[in-house]
Amino acid sequence: MSVPQTADVTVDARRRRIKFRSWHRGMLETDLLLGRFADAEVERLSENELDDFEALLEALDRDVFSWATGEAPTPEAYDTPLFHRIVAFHAGFDPANV
């Protein structure tokens, strides 16, 4: 799923916006899920992956969290290699050891 971009938005601006939006979603669990990944990986994402991330940011927090935890099946539009990377990034994460 692709989010239309204007021609004058730079890749760096898109990355900054993704980082901000990842941490300011409204549900702490989703902020942590997307924000930690964005902080660690957004600089290495291709433009197509940035498109996928921006599309994911349009989904509801509770849906994204349910998909990531396996509570609900991930819709085809969001079941991207990037989403799998986000979930894998957090595999085995123990908040007690932060």
PDB file of N, CA and C in Angstrom:
ATOM      1  N   MET A   1       0.853  -1.166   0.000  1.00  0.00           N
ATOM      2  CA  MET A   1       0.000   0.000   0.000  1.00  0.00           C
ATOM      3  C   MET A   1       0.898   1.226   0.000  1.00  0.00           C
ATOM      4  N   SER A   2       0.645   2.152  -0.874  1.00  0.00           N
ATOM      5  CA  SER A   2       1.505   3.310  -1.037  1.00  0.00           C
ATOM      6  C   SER A   2       0.766   4.585  -0.641  1.00  0.00           C
ATOM      7  N   VAL A   3       1.484   5.469   0.029  1.00  0.00           N
ATOM      8  CA  VAL A   3       0.941   6.760   0.402  1.00  0.00           C
ATOM      9  C   VAL A   3       1.493   7.789  -0.559  1.00  0.00           C
ATOM     10  N   PRO A   4       0.638   8.550  -1.252  1.00  0.00           N
ATOM     11  CA  PRO A   4       1.138   9.530  -2.213  1.00  0.00           C
ATOM     12  C   PRO A   4       2.021  10.582  -1.535  1.00  0.00           C
ATOM     13  N   GLN A   5       3.077  10.940  -2.202  1.00  0.00           N
ATOM     14  CA  GLN A   5       4.002  11.947  -1.689  1.00  0.00           C
ATOM     15  C   GLN A   5       4.096  13.098  -2.678  1.00  0.00           C
ATOM     16  N   THR A   6       4.314  14.295  -2.145  1.00  0.00           N
ATOM     17  CA  THR A   6       4.550  15.409  -3.039  1.00  0.00           C
ATOM     18  C   THR A   6       6.011  15.388  -3.453  1.00  0.00           C
ATOM     19  N   ALA A   7       6.293  15.908  -4.627  1.00  0.00           N
ATOM     20  CA  ALA A   7       7.637  15.848  -5.186  1.00  0.00           C
ATOM     21  C   ALA A   7       8.654  16.636  -4.367  1.00  0.00           C
ATOM     22  N   ASP A   8       8.203  17.619  -3.605  1.00  0.00           N
ATOM     23  CA  ASP A   8       9.142  18.473  -2.895  1.00  0.00           C
ATOM     24  C   ASP A   8       9.491  17.976  -1.483  1.00  0.00           C
ATOM     25  N   VAL A   9       8.964  16.844  -1.066  1.00  0.00           N
ATOM     26  CA  VAL A   9       9.296  16.293   0.241  1.00  0.00           C
ATOM     27  C   VAL A   9      10.536  15.410   0.080  1.00  0.00           C
ATOM     28  N   THR A  10      11.580  15.741   0.825  1.00  0.00           N
ATOM     29  CA  THR A  10      12.822  14.980   0.716  1.00  0.00           C
ATOM     30  C   THR A  10      12.720  13.671   1.498  1.00  0.00           C
ATOM     31  N   VAL A  11      13.605  12.765   1.184  1.00  0.00           N
ATOM     32  CA  VAL A  11      13.658  11.492   1.897  1.00  0.00           C
ATOM     33  C   VAL A  11      13.968  11.738   3.366  1.00  0.00           C
ATOM     34  N   ASP A  12      14.874  12.672   3.652  1.00  0.00           N
ATOM     35  CA  ASP A  12      15.206  12.980   5.044  1.00  0.00           C
ATOM     36  C   ASP A  12      13.998  13.526   5.801  1.00  0.00           C
ATOM     37  N   ALA A  13      13.221  14.361   5.146  1.00  0.00           N
ATOM     38  CA  ALA A  13      12.006  14.889   5.787  1.00  0.00           C
ATOM     39  C   ALA A  13      11.009  13.771   6.047  1.00  0.00           C
ATOM     40  N   ARG A  14      10.877  12.851   5.113  1.00  0.00           N
ATOM     41  CA  ARG A  14       9.983  11.708   5.310  1.00  0.00           C
ATOM     42  C   ARG A  14      10.444  10.879   6.500  1.00  0.00           C
ATOM     43  N   ARG A  15      11.736  10.647   6.622  1.00  0.00           N
ATOM     44  CA  ARG A  15      12.266   9.863   7.742  1.00  0.00           C
ATOM     45  C   ARG A  15      12.006  10.564   9.072  1.00  0.00           C
ATOM     46  N   ARG A  16      12.211  11.853   9.123  1.00  0.00           N
ATOM     47  CA  ARG A  16      11.945  12.607  10.362  1.00  0.00           C
ATOM     48  C   ARG A  16      10.464  12.529  10.731  1.00  0.00           C
ATOM     49  N   ARG A  17       9.603  12.668   9.733  1.00  0.00           N
ATOM     50  CA  ARG A  17       8.165  12.622   9.982  1.00  0.00           C
ATOM     51  C   ARG A  17       7.760  11.224  10.461  1.00  0.00           C
ATOM     52  N   ILE A  18       8.316  10.186   9.872  1.00  0.00           N
ATOM     53  CA  ILE A  18       8.015   8.817  10.299  1.00  0.00           C
ATOM     54  C   ILE A  18       8.439   8.603  11.743  1.00  0.00           C
ATOM     55  N   LYS A  19       9.632   9.052  12.094  1.00  0.00           N
ATOM     56  CA  LYS A  19      10.088   8.913  13.483  1.00  0.00           C
ATOM     57  C   LYS A  19       9.130   9.618  14.442  1.00  0.00           C
ATOM     58  N   PHE A  20       8.763  10.838  14.121  1.00  0.00           N
ATOM     59  CA  PHE A  20       7.868  11.594  15.001  1.00  0.00           C
ATOM     60  C   PHE A  20       6.527  10.887  15.131  1.00  0.00           C
ATOM     61  N   ARG A  21       5.937  10.513  14.004  1.00  0.00           N
ATOM     62  CA  ARG A  21       4.613   9.893  14.024  1.00  0.00           C
ATOM     63  C   ARG A  21       4.640   8.515  14.685  1.00  0.00           C
ATOM     64  N   SER A  22       5.770   7.830  14.606  1.00  0.00           N
ATOM     65  CA  SER A  22       5.892   6.519  15.244  1.00  0.00           C
ATOM     66  C   SER A  22       5.836   6.622  16.757  1.00  0.00           C
ATOM     67  N   TRP A  23       6.352   7.717  17.293  1.00  0.00           N
ATOM     68  CA  TRP A  23       6.381   7.905  18.745  1.00  0.00           C
ATOM     69  C   TRP A  23       5.160   8.643  19.275  1.00  0.00           C
ATOM     70  N   HIS A  24       4.331   9.187  18.428  1.00  0.00           N
ATOM     71  CA  HIS A  24       3.184  10.005  18.857  1.00  0.00           C
ATOM     72  C   HIS A  24       1.888   9.460  18.286  1.00  0.00           C
ATOM     73  N   ARG A  25       1.594   8.213  18.567  1.00  0.00           N
ATOM     74  CA  ARG A  25       0.432   7.542  18.012  1.00  0.00           C
ATOM     75  C   ARG A  25      -0.779   7.639  18.922  1.00  0.00           C
ATOM     76  N   GLY A  26      -0.569   7.581  20.218  1.00  0.00           N
ATOM     77  CA  GLY A  26      -1.686   7.632  21.146  1.00  0.00           C
ATOM     78  C   GLY A  26      -1.783   6.407  22.037  1.00  0.00           C
ATOM     79  N   MET A  27      -1.255   5.285  21.594  1.00  0.00           N
ATOM     80  CA  MET A  27      -1.252   4.058  22.401  1.00  0.00           C
ATOM     81  C   MET A  27       0.201   3.705  22.689  1.00  0.00           C
ATOM     82  N   LEU A  28       0.563   3.688  23.942  1.00  0.00           N
ATOM     83  CA  LEU A  28       1.957   3.502  24.335  1.00  0.00           C
ATOM     84  C   LEU A  28       2.582   2.252  23.714  1.00  0.00           C
ATOM     85  N   GLU A  29       1.835   1.151  23.702  1.00  0.00           N
ATOM     86  CA  GLU A  29       2.379  -0.094  23.160  1.00  0.00           C
ATOM     87  C   GLU A  29       2.754   0.055  21.679  1.00  0.00           C
ATOM     88  N   THR A  30       1.922   0.752  20.937  1.00  0.00           N
ATOM     89  CA  THR A  30       2.216   0.940  19.513  1.00  0.00           C
ATOM     90  C   THR A  30       3.324   1.965  19.331  1.00  0.00           C
ATOM     91  N   ASP A  31       3.369   2.982  20.190  1.00  0.00           N
ATOM     92  CA  ASP A  31       4.487   3.929  20.164  1.00  0.00           C
ATOM     93  C   ASP A  31       5.809   3.175  20.319  1.00  0.00           C
ATOM     94  N   LEU A  32       5.859   2.272  21.287  1.00  0.00           N
ATOM     95  CA  LEU A  32       7.086   1.507  21.520  1.00  0.00           C
ATOM     96  C   LEU A  32       7.398   0.575  20.357  1.00  0.00           C
ATOM     97  N   LEU A  33       6.383  -0.072  19.839  1.00  0.00           N
ATOM     98  CA  LEU A  33       6.558  -0.999  18.723  1.00  0.00           C
ATOM     99  C   LEU A  33       7.133  -0.293  17.500  1.00  0.00           C
ATOM    100  N   LEU A  34       6.508   0.790  17.100  1.00  0.00           N
ATOM    101  CA  LEU A  34       6.936   1.491  15.885  1.00  0.00           C
ATOM    102  C   LEU A  34       8.073   2.466  16.147  1.00  0.00           C
ATOM    103  N   GLY A  35       8.039   3.153  17.276  1.00  0.00           N
ATOM    104  CA  GLY A  35       9.058   4.160  17.582  1.00  0.00           C
ATOM    105  C   GLY A  35      10.446   3.585  17.754  1.00  0.00           C
ATOM    106  N   ARG A  36      10.545   2.488  18.494  1.00  0.00           N
ATOM    107  CA  ARG A  36      11.868   1.866  18.694  1.00  0.00           C
ATOM    108  C   ARG A  36      12.433   1.368  17.364  1.00  0.00           C
ATOM    109  N   PHE A  37      11.567   0.773  16.541  1.00  0.00           N
ATOM    110  CA  PHE A  37      12.026   0.317  15.227  1.00  0.00           C
ATOM    111  C   PHE A  37      12.454   1.508  14.374  1.00  0.00           C
ATOM    112  N   ALA A  38      11.642   2.554  14.354  1.00  0.00           N
ATOM    113  CA  ALA A  38      11.968   3.728  13.543  1.00  0.00           C
ATOM    114  C   ALA A  38      13.305   4.334  13.961  1.00  0.00           C
ATOM    115  N   ASP A  39      13.511   4.477  15.260  1.00  0.00           N
ATOM    116  CA  ASP A  39      14.776   5.046  15.738  1.00  0.00           C
ATOM    117  C   ASP A  39      15.974   4.220  15.277  1.00  0.00           C
ATOM    118  N   ALA A  40      15.818   2.913  15.301  1.00  0.00           N
ATOM    119  CA  ALA A  40      16.944   2.024  14.977  1.00  0.00           C
ATOM    120  C   ALA A  40      17.138   1.809  13.483  1.00  0.00           C
ATOM    121  N   GLU A  41      16.068   1.842  12.695  1.00  0.00           N
ATOM    122  CA  GLU A  41      16.152   1.370  11.320  1.00  0.00           C
ATOM    123  C   GLU A  41      15.760   2.355  10.225  1.00  0.00           C
ATOM    124  N   VAL A  42      15.091   3.445  10.549  1.00  0.00           N
ATOM    125  CA  VAL A  42      14.517   4.291   9.490  1.00  0.00           C
ATOM    126  C   VAL A  42      15.563   4.842   8.523  1.00  0.00           C
ATOM    127  N   GLU A  43      16.762   5.070   8.979  1.00  0.00           N
ATOM    128  CA  GLU A  43      17.805   5.615   8.105  1.00  0.00           C
ATOM    129  C   GLU A  43      18.222   4.617   7.018  1.00  0.00           C
ATOM    130  N   ARG A  44      17.966   3.338   7.256  1.00  0.00           N
ATOM    131  CA  ARG A  44      18.361   2.298   6.305  1.00  0.00           C
ATOM    132  C   ARG A  44      17.216   1.870   5.388  1.00  0.00           C
ATOM    133  N   LEU A  45      16.040   2.434   5.545  1.00  0.00           N
ATOM    134  CA  LEU A  45      14.891   2.016   4.746  1.00  0.00           C
ATOM    135  C   LEU A  45      14.927   2.634   3.350  1.00  0.00           C
ATOM    136  N   SER A  46      14.547   1.831   2.380  1.00  0.00           N
ATOM    137  CA  SER A  46      14.440   2.319   1.001  1.00  0.00           C
ATOM    138  C   SER A  46      13.186   3.188   0.872  1.00  0.00           C
ATOM    139  N   GLU A  47      13.044   3.854  -0.250  1.00  0.00           N
ATOM    140  CA  GLU A  47      11.856   4.684  -0.464  1.00  0.00           C
ATOM    141  C   GLU A  47      10.594   3.833  -0.494  1.00  0.00           C
ATOM    142  N   ASN A  48      10.665   2.632  -1.060  1.00  0.00           N
ATOM    143  CA  ASN A  48       9.498   1.744  -1.049  1.00  0.00           C
ATOM    144  C   ASN A  48       9.141   1.331   0.378  1.00  0.00           C
ATOM    145  N   GLU A  49      10.143   1.071   1.189  1.00  0.00           N
ATOM    146  CA  GLU A  49       9.888   0.726   2.593  1.00  0.00           C
ATOM    147  C   GLU A  49       9.326   1.917   3.348  1.00  0.00           C
ATOM    148  N   LEU A  50       9.796   3.124   3.022  1.00  0.00           N
ATOM    149  CA  LEU A  50       9.220   4.320   3.636  1.00  0.00           C
ATOM    150  C   LEU A  50       7.749   4.451   3.266  1.00  0.00           C
ATOM    151  N   ASP A  51       7.408   4.127   2.019  1.00  0.00           N
ATOM    152  CA  ASP A  51       6.000   4.123   1.594  1.00  0.00           C
ATOM    153  C   ASP A  51       5.183   3.160   2.459  1.00  0.00           C
ATOM    154  N   ASP A  52       5.719   1.951   2.651  1.00  0.00           N
ATOM    155  CA  ASP A  52       5.021   0.952   3.466  1.00  0.00           C
ATOM    156  C   ASP A  52       4.875   1.416   4.912  1.00  0.00           C
ATOM    157  N   PHE A  53       5.903   2.048   5.444  1.00  0.00           N
ATOM    158  CA  PHE A  53       5.860   2.533   6.831  1.00  0.00           C
ATOM    159  C   PHE A  53       4.806   3.635   6.953  1.00  0.00           C
ATOM    160  N   GLU A  54       4.802   4.559   6.016  1.00  0.00           N
ATOM    161  CA  GLU A  54       3.811   5.641   6.061  1.00  0.00           C
ATOM    162  C   GLU A  54       2.392   5.090   5.963  1.00  0.00           C
ATOM    163  N   ALA A  55       2.193   4.064   5.158  1.00  0.00           N
ATOM    164  CA  ALA A  55       0.869   3.441   5.059  1.00  0.00           C
ATOM    165  C   ALA A  55       0.494   2.791   6.393  1.00  0.00           C
ATOM    166  N   LEU A  56       1.454   2.128   7.028  1.00  0.00           N
ATOM    167  CA  LEU A  56       1.210   1.496   8.319  1.00  0.00           C
ATOM    168  C   LEU A  56       0.833   2.526   9.379  1.00  0.00           C
ATOM    169  N   LEU A  57       1.430   3.696   9.294  1.00  0.00           N
ATOM    170  CA  LEU A  57       1.122   4.756  10.254  1.00  0.00           C
ATOM    171  C   LEU A  57      -0.318   5.263  10.129  1.00  0.00           C
ATOM    172  N   GLU A  58      -0.967   4.967   9.021  1.00  0.00           N
ATOM    173  CA  GLU A  58      -2.366   5.369   8.831  1.00  0.00           C
ATOM    174  C   GLU A  58      -3.343   4.381   9.467  1.00  0.00           C
ATOM    175  N   ALA A  59      -2.866   3.189   9.798  1.00  0.00           N
ATOM    176  CA  ALA A  59      -3.724   2.178  10.413  1.00  0.00           C
ATOM    177  C   ALA A  59      -3.964   2.526  11.886  1.00  0.00           C
ATOM    178  N   LEU A  60      -5.050   2.003  12.427  1.00  0.00           N
ATOM    179  CA  LEU A  60      -5.377   2.225  13.839  1.00  0.00           C
ATOM    180  C   LEU A  60      -4.380   1.512  14.743  1.00  0.00           C
ATOM    181  N   ASP A  61      -4.043   2.153  15.864  1.00  0.00           N
ATOM    182  CA  ASP A  61      -3.097   1.578  16.819  1.00  0.00           C
ATOM    183  C   ASP A  61      -3.494   0.175  17.247  1.00  0.00           C
ATOM    184  N   ARG A  62      -4.743   0.016  17.638  1.00  0.00           N
ATOM    185  CA  ARG A  62      -5.171  -1.292  18.151  1.00  0.00           C
ATOM    186  C   ARG A  62      -5.039  -2.377  17.084  1.00  0.00           C
ATOM    187  N   ASP A  63      -5.248  -1.999  15.815  1.00  0.00           N
ATOM    188  CA  ASP A  63      -5.092  -2.967  14.734  1.00  0.00           C
ATOM    189  C   ASP A  63      -3.629  -3.343  14.550  1.00  0.00           C
ATOM    190  N   VAL A  64      -2.760  -2.351  14.493  1.00  0.00           N
ATOM    191  CA  VAL A  64      -1.325  -2.613  14.310  1.00  0.00           C
ATOM    192  C   VAL A  64      -0.811  -3.501  15.439  1.00  0.00           C
ATOM    193  N   PHE A  65      -1.204  -3.193  16.659  1.00  0.00           N
ATOM    194  CA  PHE A  65      -0.744  -3.985  17.799  1.00  0.00           C
ATOM    195  C   PHE A  65      -1.289  -5.409  17.728  1.00  0.00           C
ATOM    196  N   SER A  66      -2.534  -5.564  17.347  1.00  0.00           N
ATOM    197  CA  SER A  66      -3.134  -6.896  17.216  1.00  0.00           C
ATOM    198  C   SER A  66      -2.438  -7.715  16.133  1.00  0.00           C
ATOM    199  N   TRP A  67      -2.089  -7.082  15.032  1.00  0.00           N
ATOM    200  CA  TRP A  67      -1.373  -7.784  13.963  1.00  0.00           C
ATOM    201  C   TRP A  67       0.005  -8.208  14.443  1.00  0.00           C
ATOM    202  N   ALA A  68       0.691  -7.293  15.134  1.00  0.00           N
ATOM    203  CA  ALA A  68       2.066  -7.563  15.570  1.00  0.00           C
ATOM    204  C   ALA A  68       2.123  -8.669  16.614  1.00  0.00           C
ATOM    205  N   THR A  69       1.100  -8.757  17.456  1.00  0.00           N
ATOM    206  CA  THR A  69       1.089  -9.781  18.502  1.00  0.00           C
ATOM    207  C   THR A  69       0.475 -11.085  18.030  1.00  0.00           C
ATOM    208  N   GLY A  70      -0.093 -11.084  16.831  1.00  0.00           N
ATOM    209  CA  GLY A  70      -0.710 -12.282  16.298  1.00  0.00           C
ATOM    210  C   GLY A  70      -2.138 -12.500  16.761  1.00  0.00           C
ATOM    211  N   GLU A  71      -2.700 -11.531  17.472  1.00  0.00           N
ATOM    212  CA  GLU A  71      -4.094 -11.638  17.919  1.00  0.00           C
ATOM    213  C   GLU A  71      -5.061 -11.623  16.753  1.00  0.00           C
ATOM    214  N   ALA A  72      -4.684 -10.932  15.701  1.00  0.00           N
ATOM    215  CA  ALA A  72      -5.523 -10.835  14.504  1.00  0.00           C
ATOM    216  C   ALA A  72      -4.632 -11.028  13.283  1.00  0.00           C
ATOM    217  N   PRO A  73      -5.193 -11.573  12.215  1.00  0.00           N
ATOM    218  CA  PRO A  73      -4.395 -11.730  10.996  1.00  0.00           C
ATOM    219  C   PRO A  73      -4.093 -10.364  10.378  1.00  0.00           C
ATOM    220  N   THR A  74      -2.909 -10.238   9.827  1.00  0.00           N
ATOM    221  CA  THR A  74      -2.501  -8.995   9.187  1.00  0.00           C
ATOM    222  C   THR A  74      -3.135  -8.914   7.805  1.00  0.00           C
ATOM    223  N   PRO A  75      -3.864  -7.825   7.524  1.00  0.00           N
ATOM    224  CA  PRO A  75      -4.447  -7.675   6.186  1.00  0.00           C
ATOM    225  C   PRO A  75      -3.346  -7.649   5.122  1.00  0.00           C
ATOM    226  N   GLU A  76      -3.678  -8.134   3.961  1.00  0.00           N
ATOM    227  CA  GLU A  76      -2.703  -8.250   2.874  1.00  0.00           C
ATOM    228  C   GLU A  76      -1.998  -6.923   2.587  1.00  0.00           C
ATOM    229  N   ALA A  77      -2.720  -5.824   2.651  1.00  0.00           N
ATOM    230  CA  ALA A  77      -2.139  -4.515   2.342  1.00  0.00           C
ATOM    231  C   ALA A  77      -1.013  -4.139   3.306  1.00  0.00           C
ATOM    232  N   TYR A  78      -1.055  -4.669   4.524  1.00  0.00           N
ATOM    233  CA  TYR A  78      -0.049  -4.340   5.535  1.00  0.00           C
ATOM    234  C   TYR A  78       0.933  -5.487   5.785  1.00  0.00           C
ATOM    235  N   ASP A  79       0.680  -6.626   5.196  1.00  0.00           N
ATOM    236  CA  ASP A  79       1.517  -7.804   5.402  1.00  0.00           C
ATOM    237  C   ASP A  79       2.723  -7.735   4.474  1.00  0.00           C
ATOM    238  N   THR A  80       3.590  -6.798   4.772  1.00  0.00           N
ATOM    239  CA  THR A  80       4.741  -6.494   3.926  1.00  0.00           C
ATOM    240  C   THR A  80       6.031  -7.001   4.576  1.00  0.00           C
ATOM    241  N   PRO A  81       7.098  -7.116   3.799  1.00  0.00           N
ATOM    242  CA  PRO A  81       8.392  -7.459   4.403  1.00  0.00           C
ATOM    243  C   PRO A  81       8.777  -6.465   5.513  1.00  0.00           C
ATOM    244  N   LEU A  82       8.432  -5.199   5.349  1.00  0.00           N
ATOM    245  CA  LEU A  82       8.746  -4.212   6.390  1.00  0.00           C
ATOM    246  C   LEU A  82       8.015  -4.545   7.681  1.00  0.00           C
ATOM    247  N   PHE A  83       6.730  -4.878   7.596  1.00  0.00           N
ATOM    248  CA  PHE A  83       5.984  -5.215   8.805  1.00  0.00           C
ATOM    249  C   PHE A  83       6.603  -6.435   9.484  1.00  0.00           C
ATOM    250  N   HIS A  84       7.033  -7.404   8.694  1.00  0.00           N
ATOM    251  CA  HIS A  84       7.686  -8.583   9.266  1.00  0.00           C
ATOM    252  C   HIS A  84       9.006  -8.195   9.946  1.00  0.00           C
ATOM    253  N   ARG A  85       9.712  -7.241   9.380  1.00  0.00           N
ATOM    254  CA  ARG A  85      10.957  -6.746  10.012  1.00  0.00           C
ATOM    255  C   ARG A  85      10.664  -6.076  11.344  1.00  0.00           C
ATOM    256  N   ILE A  86       9.591  -5.293  11.390  1.00  0.00           N
ATOM    257  CA  ILE A  86       9.214  -4.615  12.636  1.00  0.00           C
ATOM    258  C   ILE A  86       8.912  -5.645  13.720  1.00  0.00           C
ATOM    259  N   VAL A  87       8.129  -6.656  13.374  1.00  0.00           N
ATOM    260  CA  VAL A  87       7.780  -7.697  14.345  1.00  0.00           C
ATOM    261  C   VAL A  87       9.037  -8.463  14.774  1.00  0.00           C
ATOM    262  N   ALA A  88       9.883  -8.829  13.828  1.00  0.00           N
ATOM    263  CA  ALA A  88      11.111  -9.563  14.138  1.00  0.00           C
ATOM    264  C   ALA A  88      12.060  -8.736  15.000  1.00  0.00           C
ATOM    265  N   PHE A  89      12.077  -7.429  14.775  1.00  0.00           N
ATOM    266  CA  PHE A  89      12.929  -6.526  15.555  1.00  0.00           C
ATOM    267  C   PHE A  89      12.619  -6.650  17.044  1.00  0.00           C
ATOM    268  N   HIS A  90      11.364  -6.890  17.368  1.00  0.00           N
ATOM    269  CA  HIS A  90      10.931  -6.955  18.756  1.00  0.00           C
ATOM    270  C   HIS A  90      10.836  -8.374  19.305  1.00  0.00           C
ATOM    271  N   ALA A  91      11.134  -9.369  18.493  1.00  0.00           N
ATOM    272  CA  ALA A  91      11.056 -10.761  18.956  1.00  0.00           C
ATOM    273  C   ALA A  91      12.007 -10.964  20.118  1.00  0.00           C
ATOM    274  N   GLY A  92      11.499 -11.508  21.180  1.00  0.00           N
ATOM    275  CA  GLY A  92      12.328 -11.773  22.349  1.00  0.00           C
ATOM    276  C   GLY A  92      12.600 -10.552  23.219  1.00  0.00           C
ATOM    277  N   PHE A  93      11.979  -9.421  22.897  1.00  0.00           N
ATOM    278  CA  PHE A  93      12.181  -8.204  23.697  1.00  0.00           C
ATOM    279  C   PHE A  93      11.637  -8.390  25.095  1.00  0.00           C
ATOM    280  N   ASP A  94      12.448  -8.118  26.087  1.00  0.00           N
ATOM    281  CA  ASP A  94      12.036  -8.219  27.491  1.00  0.00           C
ATOM    282  C   ASP A  94      12.135  -6.838  28.113  1.00  0.00           C
ATOM    283  N   PRO A  95      10.994  -6.170  28.345  1.00  0.00           N
ATOM    284  CA  PRO A  95      11.034  -4.796  28.884  1.00  0.00           C
ATOM    285  C   PRO A  95      11.691  -4.724  30.261  1.00  0.00           C
ATOM    286  N   ALA A  96      11.775  -5.818  30.975  1.00  0.00           N
ATOM    287  CA  ALA A  96      12.422  -5.808  32.292  1.00  0.00           C
ATOM    288  C   ALA A  96      13.930  -5.616  32.183  1.00  0.00           C
ATOM    289  N   ASN A  97      14.477  -5.865  30.998  1.00  0.00           N
ATOM    290  CA  ASN A  97      15.927  -5.746  30.808  1.00  0.00           C
ATOM    291  C   ASN A  97      16.333  -4.499  30.049  1.00  0.00           C
ATOM    292  N   VAL A  98      15.472  -3.501  30.011  1.00  0.00           N
ATOM    293  CA  VAL A  98      15.784  -2.266  29.284  1.00  0.00           C
ATOM    294  C   VAL A  98      16.609  -1.361  30.163  1.00  0.00           C
TER     295      VAL A  98
END
